[in-house]
C-alpha atoms as a PDB file:
ATOM      1  CA  MET A   1      19.549 -48.741  23.640  1.00  0.00           C
ATOM      2  CA  SER A   2      17.972 -51.215  21.325  1.00  0.00           C
ATOM      3  CA  VAL A   3      16.646 -50.255  17.817  1.00  0.00           C
ATOM      4  CA  ASP A   4      13.708 -51.721  16.351  1.00  0.00           C
ATOM      5  CA  GLY A   5      12.481 -52.151  12.825  1.00  0.00           C
ATOM      6  CA  ARG A   6       9.746 -53.728  11.148  1.00  0.00           C
ATOM      7  CA  CYS A   7       8.545 -54.087   7.190  1.00  0.00           C
ATOM      8  CA  LEU A   8       5.798 -51.809   5.665  1.00  0.00           C
ATOM      9  CA  CYS A   9       2.954 -53.744   7.022  1.00  0.00           C
ATOM     10  CA  GLY A  10       4.457 -54.747  10.255  1.00  0.00           C
ATOM     11  CA  ALA A  11       4.450 -58.614   9.686  1.00  0.00           C
ATOM     12  CA  VAL A  12       7.758 -58.832  10.368  1.00  0.00           C
ATOM     13  CA  ARG A  13       9.096 -56.884  13.232  1.00  0.00           C
ATOM     14  CA  PHE A  14      12.613 -57.095  14.676  1.00  0.00           C
ATOM     15  CA  ARG A  15      14.550 -55.357  17.474  1.00  0.00           C
ATOM     16  CA  VAL A  16      18.546 -55.081  17.279  1.00  0.00           C
ATOM     17  CA  GLU A  17      20.946 -54.877  20.170  1.00  0.00           C
ATOM     18  CA  PRO A  18      23.994 -52.316  19.755  1.00  0.00           C
ATOM     19  CA  PRO A  19      26.226 -51.773  17.763  1.00  0.00           C
ATOM     20  CA  LEU A  20      25.485 -51.910  14.366  1.00  0.00           C
ATOM     21  CA  ARG A  21      27.874 -51.305  11.671  1.00  0.00           C
ATOM     22  CA  ASP A  22      27.642 -47.986   9.732  1.00  0.00           C
ATOM     23  CA  VAL A  23      25.621 -47.941   6.376  1.00  0.00           C
ATOM     24  CA  LEU A  24      27.260 -49.423   3.453  1.00  0.00           C
ATOM     25  CA  VAL A  25      25.560 -48.379   0.221  1.00  0.00           C
ATOM     26  CA  CYS A  26      25.624 -51.180  -2.386  1.00  0.00           C
ATOM     27  CA  HIS A  27      25.532 -50.863  -6.166  1.00  0.00           C
ATOM     28  CA  CYS A  28      25.564 -54.526  -7.071  1.00  0.00           C
ATOM     29  CA  VAL A  29      23.184 -55.995  -9.642  1.00  0.00           C
ATOM     30  CA  GLU A  30      21.675 -58.258  -7.127  1.00  0.00           C
ATOM     31  CA  CYS A  31      20.785 -55.320  -4.726  1.00  0.00           C
ATOM     32  CA  ARG A  32      19.427 -53.046  -7.386  1.00  0.00           C
ATOM     33  CA  ARG A  33      17.182 -55.687  -8.866  1.00  0.00           C
ATOM     34  CA  TRP A  34      16.268 -56.998  -4.694  1.00  0.00           C
ATOM     35  CA  HIS A  35      15.466 -53.031  -3.898  1.00  0.00           C
ATOM     36  CA  GLY A  36      14.640 -51.438  -7.122  1.00  0.00           C
ATOM     37  CA  ASN A  37      17.667 -49.602  -6.581  1.00  0.00           C
ATOM     38  CA  VAL A  38      21.212 -49.363  -4.407  1.00  0.00           C
ATOM     39  CA  SER A  39      20.496 -50.610  -1.227  1.00  0.00           C
ATOM     40  CA  ALA A  40      21.423 -49.273   2.323  1.00  0.00           C
ATOM     41  CA  MET A  41      22.388 -52.162   4.927  1.00  0.00           C
ATOM     42  CA  THR A  42      23.763 -52.203   8.283  1.00  0.00           C
ATOM     43  CA  SER A  43      24.539 -55.419  10.269  1.00  0.00           C
ATOM     44  CA  VAL A  44      24.952 -56.939  13.499  1.00  0.00           C
ATOM     45  CA  ARG A  45      25.430 -60.367  14.234  1.00  0.00           C
ATOM     46  CA  HIS A  46      23.165 -63.184  14.615  1.00  0.00           C
ATOM     47  CA  GLU A  47      22.699 -62.909  18.534  1.00  0.00           C
ATOM     48  CA  GLN A  48      22.092 -58.982  18.341  1.00  0.00           C
ATOM     49  CA  LEU A  49      19.120 -59.656  16.150  1.00  0.00           C
ATOM     50  CA  GLY A  50      15.741 -60.885  17.486  1.00  0.00           C
ATOM     51  CA  PHE A  51      12.366 -61.163  16.079  1.00  0.00           C
ATOM     52  CA  LEU A  52       9.143 -59.660  17.788  1.00  0.00           C
ATOM     53  CA  ASP A  53       7.000 -61.076  14.908  1.00  0.00           C
ATOM     54  CA  ASP A  54       8.033 -62.894  11.959  1.00  0.00           C
ATOM     55  CA  ARG A  55       4.919 -64.566  10.366  1.00  0.00           C
ATOM     56  CA  GLY A  56       5.535 -62.519   7.108  1.00  0.00           C
ATOM     57  CA  LEU A  57       9.254 -63.643   7.120  1.00  0.00           C
ATOM     58  CA  ASP A  58      10.323 -65.689   4.102  1.00  0.00           C
ATOM     59  CA  TRP A  59      13.596 -66.420   2.435  1.00  0.00           C
ATOM     60  CA  VAL A  60      15.120 -66.633  -1.212  1.00  0.00           C
ATOM     61  CA  GLY A  61      18.593 -67.220  -2.177  1.00  0.00           C
ATOM     62  CA  SER A  62      20.516 -64.839  -4.080  1.00  0.00           C
ATOM     63  CA  PRO A  63      21.746 -66.798  -6.992  1.00  0.00           C
ATOM     64  CA  GLU A  64      24.990 -64.369  -8.206  1.00  0.00           C
ATOM     65  CA  SER A  65      26.057 -63.501  -4.622  1.00  0.00           C
ATOM     66  CA  ASP A  66      29.795 -64.053  -4.097  1.00  0.00           C
ATOM     67  CA  ALA A  67      28.790 -65.423  -0.694  1.00  0.00           C
ATOM     68  CA  HIS A  68      26.073 -67.698  -1.733  1.00  0.00           C
ATOM     69  CA  ALA A  69      23.563 -65.799   0.219  1.00  0.00           C
ATOM     70  CA  ARG A  70      20.059 -65.508   0.979  1.00  0.00           C
ATOM     71  CA  ARG A  71      17.509 -62.481   1.107  1.00  0.00           C
ATOM     72  CA  GLY A  72      14.595 -62.025   3.856  1.00  0.00           C
ATOM     73  CA  PHE A  73      11.719 -60.020   3.135  1.00  0.00           C
ATOM     74  CA  CYS A  74       7.916 -59.768   4.008  1.00  0.00           C
ATOM     75  CA  ARG A  75       5.475 -62.068   1.931  1.00  0.00           C
ATOM     76  CA  GLU A  76       2.988 -60.047   2.876  1.00  0.00           C
ATOM     77  CA  CYS A  77       3.785 -56.634   1.734  1.00  0.00           C
ATOM     78  CA  GLY A  78       7.150 -57.689  -0.079  1.00  0.00           C
ATOM     79  CA  SER A  79       9.628 -55.572   1.500  1.00  0.00           C
ATOM     80  CA  SER A  80      13.191 -56.363   1.544  1.00  0.00           C
ATOM     81  CA  LEU A  81      14.797 -56.486   4.919  1.00  0.00           C
ATOM     82  CA  PHE A  82      17.693 -59.013   5.527  1.00  0.00           C
ATOM     83  CA  TRP A  83      20.663 -60.264   3.302  1.00  0.00           C
ATOM     84  CA  GLU A  84      22.571 -63.510   4.718  1.00  0.00           C
ATOM     85  CA  PRO A  85      25.778 -64.854   3.761  1.00  0.00           C
ATOM     86  CA  ARG A  86      26.046 -68.923   3.684  1.00  0.00           C
ATOM     87  CA  GLU A  87      28.960 -68.391   6.181  1.00  0.00           C
ATOM     88  CA  GLY A  88      29.770 -65.917   8.865  1.00  0.00           C
ATOM     89  CA  ASP A  89      28.039 -64.682  12.000  1.00  0.00           C
ATOM     90  CA  ALA A  90      26.503 -61.331  10.646  1.00  0.00           C
ATOM     91  CA  ILE A  91      23.267 -60.307   9.081  1.00  0.00           C
ATOM     92  CA  ALA A  92      22.875 -57.480   7.023  1.00  0.00           C
ATOM     93  CA  ILE A  93      19.694 -55.187   7.809  1.00  0.00           C
ATOM     94  CA  ALA A  94      18.027 -52.611   5.137  1.00  0.00           C
ATOM     95  CA  ALA A  95      18.897 -49.497   6.935  1.00  0.00           C
ATOM     96  CA  GLY A  96      15.480 -47.905   5.744  1.00  0.00           C
ATOM     97  CA  ALA A  97      13.631 -50.765   8.129  1.00  0.00           C
ATOM     98  CA  LEU A  98      15.083 -49.245  11.359  1.00  0.00           C
ATOM     99  CA  ASP A  99      12.998 -46.872  13.290  1.00  0.00           C
ATOM    100  CA  PRO A 100      14.944 -43.405  14.035  1.00  0.00           C
ATOM    101  CA  PRO A 101      17.048 -42.468  15.747  1.00  0.00           C
ATOM    102  CA  THR A 102      19.235 -45.209  14.818  1.00  0.00           C
ATOM    103  CA  GLY A 103      22.711 -43.273  15.507  1.00  0.00           C
ATOM    104  CA  LEU A 104      24.040 -44.839  12.086  1.00  0.00           C
ATOM    105  CA  GLU A 105      26.074 -43.028   9.094  1.00  0.00           C
ATOM    106  CA  ILE A 106      27.253 -43.948   5.560  1.00  0.00           C
ATOM    107  CA  ALA A 107      30.393 -45.572   5.646  1.00  0.00           C
ATOM    108  CA  GLY A 108      30.699 -45.810   2.211  1.00  0.00           C
ATOM    109  CA  HIS A 109      29.902 -47.471  -1.265  1.00  0.00           C
ATOM    110  CA  TRP A 110      30.793 -50.875  -2.621  1.00  0.00           C
ATOM    111  CA  TYR A 111      30.157 -52.379  -5.599  1.00  0.00           C
ATOM    112  CA  VAL A 112      30.682 -49.502  -7.500  1.00  0.00           C
ATOM    113  CA  SER A 113      31.855 -51.543 -10.258  1.00  0.00           C
ATOM    114  CA  GLN A 114      28.792 -52.569 -11.139  1.00  0.00           C
ATOM    115  CA  ALA A 115      26.799 -49.032 -10.422  1.00  0.00           C
ATOM    116  CA  SER A 116      24.220 -48.557 -13.356  1.00  0.00           C
ATOM    117  CA  ASP A 117      24.128 -45.810 -15.843  1.00  0.00           C
ATOM    118  CA  TYR A 118      21.272 -43.943 -14.558  1.00  0.00           C
ATOM    119  CA  TYR A 119      22.866 -42.071 -11.370  1.00  0.00           C
ATOM    120  CA  ALA A 120      26.071 -40.911 -10.599  1.00  0.00           C
ATOM    121  CA  LEU A 121      27.871 -41.781  -7.810  1.00  0.00           C
ATOM    122  CA  PRO A 122      27.371 -39.343  -4.953  1.00  0.00           C
ATOM    123  CA  ASP A 123      29.990 -37.047  -3.816  1.00  0.00           C
ATOM    124  CA  ASP A 124      29.621 -37.711  -0.017  1.00  0.00           C
ATOM    125  CA  GLY A 125      33.535 -38.239   0.859  1.00  0.00           C
ATOM    126  CA  THR A 126      33.026 -41.848   1.974  1.00  0.00           C
ATOM    127  CA  PRO A 127      35.135 -44.446   0.602  1.00  0.00           C
ATOM    128  CA  ARG A 128      34.203 -46.445  -2.628  1.00  0.00           C
ATOM    129  CA  TYR A 129      34.925 -50.246  -3.303  1.00  0.00           C
ATOM    130  CA  PRO A 130      34.962 -51.598  -6.418  1.00  0.00           C
ATOM    131  CA  ARG A 131      33.510 -54.722  -5.034  1.00  0.00           C
ATOM    132  CA  SER A 132      33.219 -55.489  -1.409  1.00  0.00           C
ATOM    133  CA  VAL A 133      35.157 -54.921   1.865  1.00  0.00           C
END
């Protein structure tokens, strides 16, 4: 069963075909700046993602990314939606942009070495990684 998602205003709508990777919560500096806090991302292979409407979709480089990635967002409402490394066959999708039910769970926290000082890492029993997995 596919999962639909969209930005806040609907100018970017998409459909994802399972399976989706469980959610990784990223504490890196770039994600915190991009999302305004930590990010919660799932991912799929490119061929599993289809756009129903992409008139608002725009991309910006992610300058400090180890993967030389780019980030997709809606230029109409500003919703941050995607993270895509330059190489590889997967694209990360903001879990909050997906319509429930997603069937996803938090699989772990990464880039905890870059976590900010204004919050404590949750004691949720999931693995923690100093950098990417």
